[in-house]
Amino acid sequence: MIKLSTLSGMGLCLLAMHFESFAAEPLIVAHRGLLRHAPENTLANFRACLELRLGFEFDVQRTKDGHLVCIHDDNVERTTNGTGAVSELSFSEIRELDAGSWFDPKFNGEKVPTIDDVLKLLAEYRRHDILVAVDLKAEGVEQEVVKLAVKYEVLDQLIFIGRTISEPDVRKRILAASSAAHVAIVANNAKEFPNALNDEDVNWIYVRFLPTADEVDRAHQTDKRVFIAGTTVAGELPANWRQAAEAGIDGILTDYPLELRSALRP
């Protein structure tokens, strides 16, 4: 079981303050950033989230020559002016691409960022009370991402999702890189929740259903936090958002982060 007591000094104080805030209201995580306001998975998008005190979710892929880059799809067609699979393009080839004009000409010249770029940007806003979800899409990148997060002192703000939630080996590799990492396991429905609750190697439960207040409370009693994503909250669904918040959920991933914030205001 991962305990806060494994940390010490200032790190423990900061993490304790971070978790205390979860009890007040859920932390909002913008899916790939502000999807409807800026090109996804770009620094312009993530900076806007951070200025608004919003967390975000980003994706990790690996180039042909081993660089870690932030892009959702396995290929570059949908979100850049290029073609080809990410894993078959070199870093220099990907950095030449325009990742902004497809969304709006005002974002002409926006680049596909590296994971180093993303975590370095997050470090500039380290004092903000936010949660950032890391979707590991490429294989074997766990140790590198954790090392970068430690380097920029932002590991406590990250929750690892993507392949992490369903693959125990991925979780083990993340925790081998740092026992302080936040790793999640999936519970697709209420029947799967008890198994997730009893898993001693995770500190977050990633749910794809609306949990009850009792279920969330049981997670909190075992030092776990609850993160909700999927169809129940991704769309503009204020009733579901409120239900999740009232249950005591710790983090919500949605395509409508600004609307979610407004819906949760008193």
C-alpha atoms as a PDB file:
ATOM      1  CA  MET A   1       0.000   0.000   0.000  1.00  0.00           C
ATOM      2  CA  ILE A   2       1.372   3.398  -0.901  1.00  0.00           C
ATOM      3  CA  LYS A   3       1.217   5.674   2.140  1.00  0.00           C
ATOM      4  CA  LEU A   4       1.774   9.390   2.444  1.00  0.00           C
ATOM      5  CA  SER A   5       4.186   8.486   5.234  1.00  0.00           C
ATOM      6  CA  THR A   6       6.655   7.310   2.614  1.00  0.00           C
ATOM      7  CA  LEU A   7       7.305  10.946   1.865  1.00  0.00           C
ATOM      8  CA  SER A   8       9.053  13.344   4.171  1.00  0.00           C
ATOM      9  CA  GLY A   9       9.726  16.992   4.849  1.00  0.00           C
ATOM     10  CA  MET A  10       8.330  19.646   2.590  1.00  0.00           C
ATOM     11  CA  GLY A  11       7.166  17.062   0.035  1.00  0.00           C
ATOM     12  CA  LEU A  12       4.867  15.493   2.615  1.00  0.00           C
ATOM     13  CA  CYS A  13       3.445  18.870   3.647  1.00  0.00           C
ATOM     14  CA  LEU A  14       2.726  19.879   0.058  1.00  0.00           C
ATOM     15  CA  LEU A  15       1.143  16.544  -0.821  1.00  0.00           C
ATOM     16  CA  ALA A  16      -0.978  16.572   2.328  1.00  0.00           C
ATOM     17  CA  MET A  17      -2.235  20.055   1.441  1.00  0.00           C
ATOM     18  CA  HIS A  18      -2.932  18.822  -2.091  1.00  0.00           C
ATOM     19  CA  PHE A  19      -5.044  15.909  -0.833  1.00  0.00           C
ATOM     20  CA  GLU A  20      -6.854  18.054   1.747  1.00  0.00           C
ATOM     21  CA  SER A  21      -8.117  20.211  -1.092  1.00  0.00           C
ATOM     22  CA  PHE A  22      -9.712  17.168  -2.747  1.00  0.00           C
ATOM     23  CA  ALA A  23     -12.184  16.905   0.100  1.00  0.00           C
ATOM     24  CA  ALA A  24     -13.580  20.356  -0.697  1.00  0.00           C
ATOM     25  CA  GLU A  25     -14.416  19.928  -4.386  1.00  0.00           C
ATOM     26  CA  PRO A  26     -13.223  17.788  -7.305  1.00  0.00           C
ATOM     27  CA  LEU A  27     -10.215  18.906  -9.264  1.00  0.00           C
ATOM     28  CA  ILE A  28     -11.096  19.563 -12.897  1.00  0.00           C
ATOM     29  CA  VAL A  29      -8.988  17.914 -15.593  1.00  0.00           C
ATOM     30  CA  ALA A  30      -9.431  19.196 -19.142  1.00  0.00           C
ATOM     31  CA  HIS A  31      -9.306  16.352 -21.668  1.00  0.00           C
ATOM     32  CA  ARG A  32      -6.305  17.070 -23.911  1.00  0.00           C
ATOM     33  CA  GLY A  33      -6.611  20.639 -22.650  1.00  0.00           C
ATOM     34  CA  LEU A  34      -9.281  23.115 -23.706  1.00  0.00           C
ATOM     35  CA  LEU A  35     -10.384  21.060 -26.696  1.00  0.00           C
ATOM     36  CA  ARG A  36     -12.919  23.555 -27.983  1.00  0.00           C
ATOM     37  CA  HIS A  37     -10.793  26.659 -27.475  1.00  0.00           C
ATOM     38  CA  ALA A  38      -7.261  25.769 -28.625  1.00  0.00           C
ATOM     39  CA  PRO A  39      -5.483  22.974 -30.518  1.00  0.00           C
ATOM     40  CA  GLU A  40      -5.275  19.889 -28.316  1.00  0.00           C
ATOM     41  CA  ASN A  41      -2.028  18.707 -26.739  1.00  0.00           C
ATOM     42  CA  THR A  42      -0.153  21.952 -27.389  1.00  0.00           C
ATOM     43  CA  LEU A  43       1.689  24.272 -25.042  1.00  0.00           C
ATOM     44  CA  ALA A  44      -0.638  27.145 -25.946  1.00  0.00           C
ATOM     45  CA  ASN A  45      -3.559  25.024 -24.806  1.00  0.00           C
ATOM     46  CA  PHE A  46      -1.926  23.779 -21.604  1.00  0.00           C
ATOM     47  CA  ARG A  47      -0.727  27.262 -20.663  1.00  0.00           C
ATOM     48  CA  ALA A  48      -4.299  28.523 -20.980  1.00  0.00           C
ATOM     49  CA  CYS A  49      -5.467  25.727 -18.662  1.00  0.00           C
ATOM     50  CA  LEU A  50      -2.835  26.575 -16.095  1.00  0.00           C
ATOM     51  CA  GLU A  51      -3.621  30.279 -16.189  1.00  0.00           C
ATOM     52  CA  LEU A  52      -7.243  29.348 -15.475  1.00  0.00           C
ATOM     53  CA  ARG A  53      -6.155  27.067 -12.594  1.00  0.00           C
ATOM     54  CA  LEU A  54      -7.352  23.998 -14.481  1.00  0.00           C
ATOM     55  CA  GLY A  55      -5.595  20.691 -14.727  1.00  0.00           C
ATOM     56  CA  PHE A  56      -5.317  18.890 -18.053  1.00  0.00           C
ATOM     57  CA  GLU A  57      -4.734  15.469 -19.566  1.00  0.00           C
ATOM     58  CA  PHE A  58      -1.945  14.807 -22.041  1.00  0.00           C
ATOM     59  CA  ASP A  59      -0.762  11.873 -24.127  1.00  0.00           C
ATOM     60  CA  VAL A  60       2.670  10.302 -24.392  1.00  0.00           C
ATOM     61  CA  GLN A  61       3.993   8.821 -27.643  1.00  0.00           C
ATOM     62  CA  ARG A  62       7.535   7.927 -28.771  1.00  0.00           C
ATOM     63  CA  THR A  63       9.196   8.961 -32.036  1.00  0.00           C
ATOM     64  CA  LYS A  64      11.228   6.683 -34.285  1.00  0.00           C
ATOM     65  CA  ASP A  65      14.452   7.922 -32.696  1.00  0.00           C
ATOM     66  CA  GLY A  66      13.244   7.602 -29.115  1.00  0.00           C
ATOM     67  CA  HIS A  67      11.974  11.069 -28.164  1.00  0.00           C
ATOM     68  CA  LEU A  68       8.839  11.392 -26.045  1.00  0.00           C
ATOM     69  CA  VAL A  69       6.248  13.687 -27.605  1.00  0.00           C
ATOM     70  CA  CYS A  70       2.760  14.824 -26.695  1.00  0.00           C
ATOM     71  CA  ILE A  71       0.202  13.761 -29.285  1.00  0.00           C
ATOM     72  CA  HIS A  72      -2.975  11.704 -28.957  1.00  0.00           C
ATOM     73  CA  ASP A  73      -3.159   9.630 -32.125  1.00  0.00           C
ATOM     74  CA  ASP A  74      -0.697   7.006 -33.331  1.00  0.00           C
ATOM     75  CA  ASN A  75      -0.328   9.078 -36.510  1.00  0.00           C
ATOM     76  CA  VAL A  76      -0.012  12.812 -37.127  1.00  0.00           C
ATOM     77  CA  GLU A  77      -2.733  13.353 -39.753  1.00  0.00           C
ATOM     78  CA  ARG A  78      -5.609  14.612 -37.616  1.00  0.00           C
ATOM     79  CA  THR A  79      -3.769  17.248 -35.567  1.00  0.00           C
ATOM     80  CA  THR A  80      -0.911  18.393 -37.812  1.00  0.00           C
ATOM     81  CA  ASN A  81      -0.222  19.186 -41.444  1.00  0.00           C
ATOM     82  CA  GLY A  82       1.874  16.033 -41.815  1.00  0.00           C
ATOM     83  CA  THR A  83       1.363  12.351 -42.529  1.00  0.00           C
ATOM     84  CA  GLY A  84       2.693   9.135 -41.074  1.00  0.00           C
ATOM     85  CA  ALA A  85       2.873   7.210 -37.833  1.00  0.00           C
ATOM     86  CA  VAL A  86       4.496   8.905 -34.850  1.00  0.00           C
ATOM     87  CA  SER A  87       6.652   5.829 -34.252  1.00  0.00           C
ATOM     88  CA  GLU A  88       7.952   5.976 -37.834  1.00  0.00           C
ATOM     89  CA  LEU A  89       8.845   9.673 -37.841  1.00  0.00           C
ATOM     90  CA  SER A  90      11.976  11.197 -36.350  1.00  0.00           C
ATOM     91  CA  PHE A  91      11.815  13.908 -33.728  1.00  0.00           C
ATOM     92  CA  SER A  92      13.096  16.526 -36.177  1.00  0.00           C
ATOM     93  CA  GLU A  93      10.413  15.539 -38.703  1.00  0.00           C
ATOM     94  CA  ILE A  94       7.664  15.885 -36.111  1.00  0.00           C
ATOM     95  CA  ARG A  95       8.995  19.221 -34.847  1.00  0.00           C
ATOM     96  CA  GLU A  96       8.739  20.627 -38.371  1.00  0.00           C
ATOM     97  CA  LEU A  97       4.993  20.036 -38.402  1.00  0.00           C
ATOM     98  CA  ASP A  98       2.327  22.659 -37.738  1.00  0.00           C
ATOM     99  CA  ALA A  99       0.100  21.434 -34.898  1.00  0.00           C
ATOM    100  CA  GLY A 100      -2.085  24.536 -34.654  1.00  0.00           C
ATOM    101  CA  SER A 101      -3.503  25.798 -37.959  1.00  0.00           C
ATOM    102  CA  TRP A 102      -5.837  22.796 -38.375  1.00  0.00           C
ATOM    103  CA  PHE A 103      -7.745  24.205 -35.423  1.00  0.00           C
ATOM    104  CA  ASP A 104      -7.542  27.909 -36.277  1.00  0.00           C
ATOM    105  CA  PRO A 105      -5.104  29.985 -38.398  1.00  0.00           C
ATOM    106  CA  LYS A 106      -4.350  32.027 -35.287  1.00  0.00           C
ATOM    107  CA  PHE A 107      -2.428  29.019 -33.965  1.00  0.00           C
ATOM    108  CA  ASN A 108      -0.261  28.711 -37.061  1.00  0.00           C
ATOM    109  CA  GLY A 109       3.191  27.410 -36.182  1.00  0.00           C
ATOM    110  CA  GLU A 110       2.238  25.722 -32.904  1.00  0.00           C
ATOM    111  CA  LYS A 111       4.479  22.691 -32.473  1.00  0.00           C
ATOM    112  CA  VAL A 112       3.984  19.172 -31.163  1.00  0.00           C
ATOM    113  CA  PRO A 113       5.543  19.527 -27.706  1.00  0.00           C
ATOM    114  CA  THR A 114       7.924  17.132 -26.046  1.00  0.00           C
ATOM    115  CA  ILE A 115       7.012  15.643 -22.681  1.00  0.00           C
ATOM    116  CA  ASP A 116       9.927  17.624 -21.299  1.00  0.00           C
ATOM    117  CA  ASP A 117       8.256  20.793 -22.643  1.00  0.00           C
ATOM    118  CA  VAL A 118       4.948  19.909 -20.974  1.00  0.00           C
ATOM    119  CA  LEU A 119       6.400  19.117 -17.553  1.00  0.00           C
ATOM    120  CA  LYS A 120       8.685  22.138 -17.662  1.00  0.00           C
ATOM    121  CA  LEU A 121       5.618  24.314 -18.310  1.00  0.00           C
ATOM    122  CA  LEU A 122       3.750  22.640 -15.453  1.00  0.00           C
ATOM    123  CA  ALA A 123       6.680  23.407 -13.143  1.00  0.00           C
ATOM    124  CA  GLU A 124       6.149  27.118 -13.781  1.00  0.00           C
ATOM    125  CA  TYR A 125       2.713  26.739 -12.145  1.00  0.00           C
ATOM    126  CA  ARG A 126       3.788  24.276  -9.451  1.00  0.00           C
ATOM    127  CA  ARG A 127       2.006  26.121  -6.659  1.00  0.00           C
ATOM    128  CA  HIS A 128      -1.390  25.823  -8.332  1.00  0.00           C
ATOM    129  CA  ASP A 129      -3.741  23.256  -6.821  1.00  0.00           C
ATOM    130  CA  ILE A 130      -4.271  21.191  -9.965  1.00  0.00           C
ATOM    131  CA  LEU A 131      -4.277  17.592 -11.142  1.00  0.00           C
ATOM    132  CA  VAL A 132      -2.690  16.535 -14.439  1.00  0.00           C
ATOM    133  CA  ALA A 133      -3.487  13.152 -15.996  1.00  0.00           C
ATOM    134  CA  VAL A 134      -0.759  11.386 -17.980  1.00  0.00           C
ATOM    135  CA  ASP A 135      -2.069   9.003 -20.637  1.00  0.00           C
ATOM    136  CA  LEU A 136       0.760   6.598 -21.413  1.00  0.00           C
ATOM    137  CA  LYS A 137       0.121   5.400 -24.956  1.00  0.00           C
ATOM    138  CA  ALA A 138       3.600   4.217 -25.941  1.00  0.00           C
ATOM    139  CA  GLU A 139       5.190   1.167 -24.358  1.00  0.00           C
ATOM    140  CA  GLY A 140       8.195   1.323 -22.065  1.00  0.00           C
ATOM    141  CA  VAL A 141       8.092   5.057 -21.372  1.00  0.00           C
ATOM    142  CA  GLU A 142       7.208   4.888 -17.681  1.00  0.00           C
ATOM    143  CA  GLN A 143      10.645   5.393 -16.176  1.00  0.00           C
ATOM    144  CA  GLU A 144      11.517   8.293 -18.461  1.00  0.00           C
ATOM    145  CA  VAL A 145       8.295  10.166 -17.727  1.00  0.00           C
ATOM    146  CA  VAL A 146       8.662   9.685 -13.970  1.00  0.00           C
ATOM    147  CA  LYS A 147      12.286  10.852 -14.068  1.00  0.00           C
ATOM    148  CA  LEU A 148      11.259  14.015 -15.897  1.00  0.00           C
ATOM    149  CA  ALA A 149       8.465  14.649 -13.390  1.00  0.00           C
ATOM    150  CA  VAL A 150      10.919  14.254 -10.518  1.00  0.00           C
ATOM    151  CA  LYS A 151      13.399  16.524 -12.285  1.00  0.00           C
ATOM    152  CA  TYR A 152      10.810  19.311 -12.538  1.00  0.00           C
ATOM    153  CA  GLU A 153       9.347  18.563  -9.082  1.00  0.00           C
ATOM    154  CA  VAL A 154       5.807  17.999 -10.388  1.00  0.00           C
ATOM    155  CA  LEU A 155       5.349  14.284  -9.692  1.00  0.00           C
ATOM    156  CA  ASP A 156       2.867  15.001  -6.886  1.00  0.00           C
ATOM    157  CA  GLN A 157       0.551  16.752  -9.372  1.00  0.00           C
ATOM    158  CA  LEU A 158       0.384  13.831 -11.813  1.00  0.00           C
ATOM    159  CA  ILE A 159      -1.948  10.851 -12.005  1.00  0.00           C
ATOM    160  CA  PHE A 160      -0.892   8.107 -14.406  1.00  0.00           C
ATOM    161  CA  ILE A 161      -3.721   6.713 -16.547  1.00  0.00           C
ATOM    162  CA  GLY A 162      -3.901   5.252 -20.075  1.00  0.00           C
ATOM    163  CA  ARG A 163      -2.236   1.833 -20.113  1.00  0.00           C
ATOM    164  CA  THR A 164      -1.600   2.230 -16.386  1.00  0.00           C
ATOM    165  CA  ILE A 165      -5.197   1.610 -15.362  1.00  0.00           C
ATOM    166  CA  SER A 166      -5.450  -1.868 -16.899  1.00  0.00           C
ATOM    167  CA  GLU A 167      -1.873  -3.208 -16.990  1.00  0.00           C
ATOM    168  CA  PRO A 168      -0.314  -4.203 -13.631  1.00  0.00           C
ATOM    169  CA  ASP A 169       3.172  -4.357 -15.167  1.00  0.00           C
ATOM    170  CA  VAL A 170       2.933  -0.716 -16.214  1.00  0.00           C
ATOM    171  CA  ARG A 171       1.940   0.254 -12.670  1.00  0.00           C
ATOM    172  CA  LYS A 172       4.862  -1.713 -11.272  1.00  0.00           C
ATOM    173  CA  ARG A 173       7.327   0.008 -13.583  1.00  0.00           C
ATOM    174  CA  ILE A 174       5.992   3.434 -12.605  1.00  0.00           C
ATOM    175  CA  LEU A 175       6.259   2.644  -8.894  1.00  0.00           C
ATOM    176  CA  ALA A 176       9.716   1.146  -9.395  1.00  0.00           C
ATOM    177  CA  ALA A 177      10.759   4.510 -10.818  1.00  0.00           C
ATOM    178  CA  SER A 178       9.244   6.294  -7.790  1.00  0.00           C
ATOM    179  CA  SER A 179       7.102   4.957  -4.969  1.00  0.00           C
ATOM    180  CA  ALA A 180       5.636   8.469  -4.654  1.00  0.00           C
ATOM    181  CA  ALA A 181       3.960   8.268  -8.080  1.00  0.00           C
ATOM    182  CA  HIS A 182       0.163   8.319  -8.268  1.00  0.00           C
ATOM    183  CA  VAL A 183      -1.075   5.282 -10.179  1.00  0.00           C
ATOM    184  CA  ALA A 184      -4.669   4.392 -10.989  1.00  0.00           C
ATOM    185  CA  ILE A 185      -6.560   1.158 -11.559  1.00  0.00           C
ATOM    186  CA  VAL A 186      -9.802   1.041 -13.521  1.00  0.00           C
ATOM    187  CA  ALA A 187     -13.252   0.110 -12.211  1.00  0.00           C
ATOM    188  CA  ASN A 188     -15.602   0.100 -15.189  1.00  0.00           C
ATOM    189  CA  ASN A 189     -18.650  -0.505 -13.013  1.00  0.00           C
ATOM    190  CA  ALA A 190     -19.752  -1.022  -9.424  1.00  0.00           C
ATOM    191  CA  LYS A 191     -19.000  -4.754  -9.597  1.00  0.00           C
ATOM    192  CA  GLU A 192     -15.339  -4.050 -10.341  1.00  0.00           C
ATOM    193  CA  PHE A 193     -15.024  -1.417  -7.624  1.00  0.00           C
ATOM    194  CA  PRO A 194     -14.278  -3.805  -4.677  1.00  0.00           C
ATOM    195  CA  ASN A 195     -11.324  -5.384  -6.518  1.00  0.00           C
ATOM    196  CA  ALA A 196      -9.918  -1.962  -7.299  1.00  0.00           C
ATOM    197  CA  LEU A 197     -10.468  -0.924  -3.695  1.00  0.00           C
ATOM    198  CA  ASN A 198      -8.498  -3.929  -2.439  1.00  0.00           C
ATOM    199  CA  ASP A 199      -5.524  -3.465  -4.750  1.00  0.00           C
ATOM    200  CA  GLU A 200      -2.643  -2.510  -2.466  1.00  0.00           C
ATOM    201  CA  ASP A 201      -0.401  -1.230  -5.258  1.00  0.00           C
ATOM    202  CA  VAL A 202      -2.534   1.736  -6.338  1.00  0.00           C
ATOM    203  CA  ASN A 203      -3.533   5.011  -4.738  1.00  0.00           C
ATOM    204  CA  TRP A 204      -6.245   6.076  -7.221  1.00  0.00           C
ATOM    205  CA  ILE A 205      -9.329   4.332  -8.577  1.00  0.00           C
ATOM    206  CA  TYR A 206     -10.300   5.382 -12.102  1.00  0.00           C
ATOM    207  CA  VAL A 207     -14.061   4.906 -12.439  1.00  0.00           C
ATOM    208  CA  ARG A 208     -16.182   4.928 -15.586  1.00  0.00           C
ATOM    209  CA  PHE A 209     -19.467   5.013 -13.686  1.00  0.00           C
ATOM    210  CA  LEU A 210     -21.029   7.381 -11.176  1.00  0.00           C
ATOM    211  CA  PRO A 211     -19.998   6.037  -7.757  1.00  0.00           C
ATOM    212  CA  THR A 212     -22.000   6.481  -4.593  1.00  0.00           C
ATOM    213  CA  ALA A 213     -20.838   8.603  -1.678  1.00  0.00           C
ATOM    214  CA  ASP A 214     -20.321   5.364   0.263  1.00  0.00           C
ATOM    215  CA  GLU A 215     -18.004   3.966  -2.407  1.00  0.00           C
ATOM    216  CA  VAL A 216     -15.938   7.147  -2.516  1.00  0.00           C
ATOM    217  CA  ASP A 217     -15.779   7.232   1.282  1.00  0.00           C
ATOM    218  CA  ARG A 218     -14.569   3.628   1.370  1.00  0.00           C
ATOM    219  CA  ALA A 219     -11.812   4.549  -1.071  1.00  0.00           C
ATOM    220  CA  HIS A 220     -10.780   7.494   1.076  1.00  0.00           C
ATOM    221  CA  GLN A 221     -10.664   5.263   4.139  1.00  0.00           C
ATOM    222  CA  THR A 222      -8.045   3.128   2.376  1.00  0.00           C
ATOM    223  CA  ASP A 223      -5.958   6.189   1.406  1.00  0.00           C
ATOM    224  CA  LYS A 224      -7.154   6.019  -2.181  1.00  0.00           C
ATOM    225  CA  ARG A 225      -8.616   8.832  -4.280  1.00  0.00           C
ATOM    226  CA  VAL A 226     -11.268   8.508  -6.972  1.00  0.00           C
ATOM    227  CA  PHE A 227     -10.960   9.863 -10.524  1.00  0.00           C
ATOM    228  CA  ILE A 228     -13.902   9.756 -12.915  1.00  0.00           C
ATOM    229  CA  ALA A 229     -13.734   9.761 -16.715  1.00  0.00           C
ATOM    230  CA  GLY A 230     -15.687   8.381 -19.656  1.00  0.00           C
ATOM    231  CA  THR A 231     -19.146   8.912 -21.075  1.00  0.00           C
ATOM    232  CA  THR A 232     -20.798   9.778 -17.751  1.00  0.00           C
ATOM    233  CA  VAL A 233     -18.815  13.027 -17.421  1.00  0.00           C
ATOM    234  CA  ALA A 234     -16.970  13.694 -20.691  1.00  0.00           C
ATOM    235  CA  GLY A 235     -19.868  15.501 -22.363  1.00  0.00           C
ATOM    236  CA  GLU A 236     -21.789  18.520 -21.132  1.00  0.00           C
ATOM    237  CA  LEU A 237     -23.631  16.671 -18.366  1.00  0.00           C
ATOM    238  CA  PRO A 238     -24.143  19.032 -15.402  1.00  0.00           C
ATOM    239  CA  ALA A 239     -26.446  16.654 -13.504  1.00  0.00           C
ATOM    240  CA  ASN A 240     -23.805  13.919 -13.596  1.00  0.00           C
ATOM    241  CA  TRP A 241     -21.049  16.370 -12.669  1.00  0.00           C
ATOM    242  CA  ARG A 242     -22.999  17.481  -9.619  1.00  0.00           C
ATOM    243  CA  GLN A 243     -23.763  13.904  -8.630  1.00  0.00           C
ATOM    244  CA  ALA A 244     -20.074  13.006  -8.822  1.00  0.00           C
ATOM    245  CA  ALA A 245     -19.107  16.085  -6.822  1.00  0.00           C
ATOM    246  CA  GLU A 246     -21.743  15.382  -4.177  1.00  0.00           C
ATOM    247  CA  ALA A 247     -20.383  11.842  -3.837  1.00  0.00           C
ATOM    248  CA  GLY A 248     -17.008  13.346  -2.927  1.00  0.00           C
ATOM    249  CA  ILE A 249     -15.153  12.472  -6.140  1.00  0.00           C
ATOM    250  CA  ASP A 250     -11.569  13.789  -6.196  1.00  0.00           C
ATOM    251  CA  GLY A 251     -11.027  14.482  -9.888  1.00  0.00           C
ATOM    252  CA  ILE A 252     -13.175  14.750 -13.024  1.00  0.00           C
ATOM    253  CA  LEU A 253     -11.905  14.429 -16.607  1.00  0.00           C
ATOM    254  CA  THR A 254     -14.146  16.180 -19.131  1.00  0.00           C
ATOM    255  CA  ASP A 255     -14.263  17.816 -22.545  1.00  0.00           C
ATOM    256  CA  TYR A 256     -16.135  20.741 -20.967  1.00  0.00           C
ATOM    257  CA  PRO A 257     -13.938  21.977 -18.103  1.00  0.00           C
ATOM    258  CA  LEU A 258     -15.171  25.572 -18.082  1.00  0.00           C
ATOM    259  CA  GLU A 259     -18.792  24.490 -18.060  1.00  0.00           C
ATOM    260  CA  LEU A 260     -18.028  21.996 -15.299  1.00  0.00           C
ATOM    261  CA  ARG A 261     -16.468  24.722 -13.177  1.00  0.00           C
ATOM    262  CA  SER A 262     -19.551  26.907 -13.651  1.00  0.00           C
ATOM    263  CA  ALA A 263     -21.882  24.006 -12.817  1.00  0.00           C
ATOM    264  CA  LEU A 264     -20.103  23.356  -9.524  1.00  0.00           C
ATOM    265  CA  ARG A 265     -20.144  26.958  -8.359  1.00  0.00           C
ATOM    266  CA  PRO A 266     -22.413  27.574  -5.337  1.00  0.00           C
END
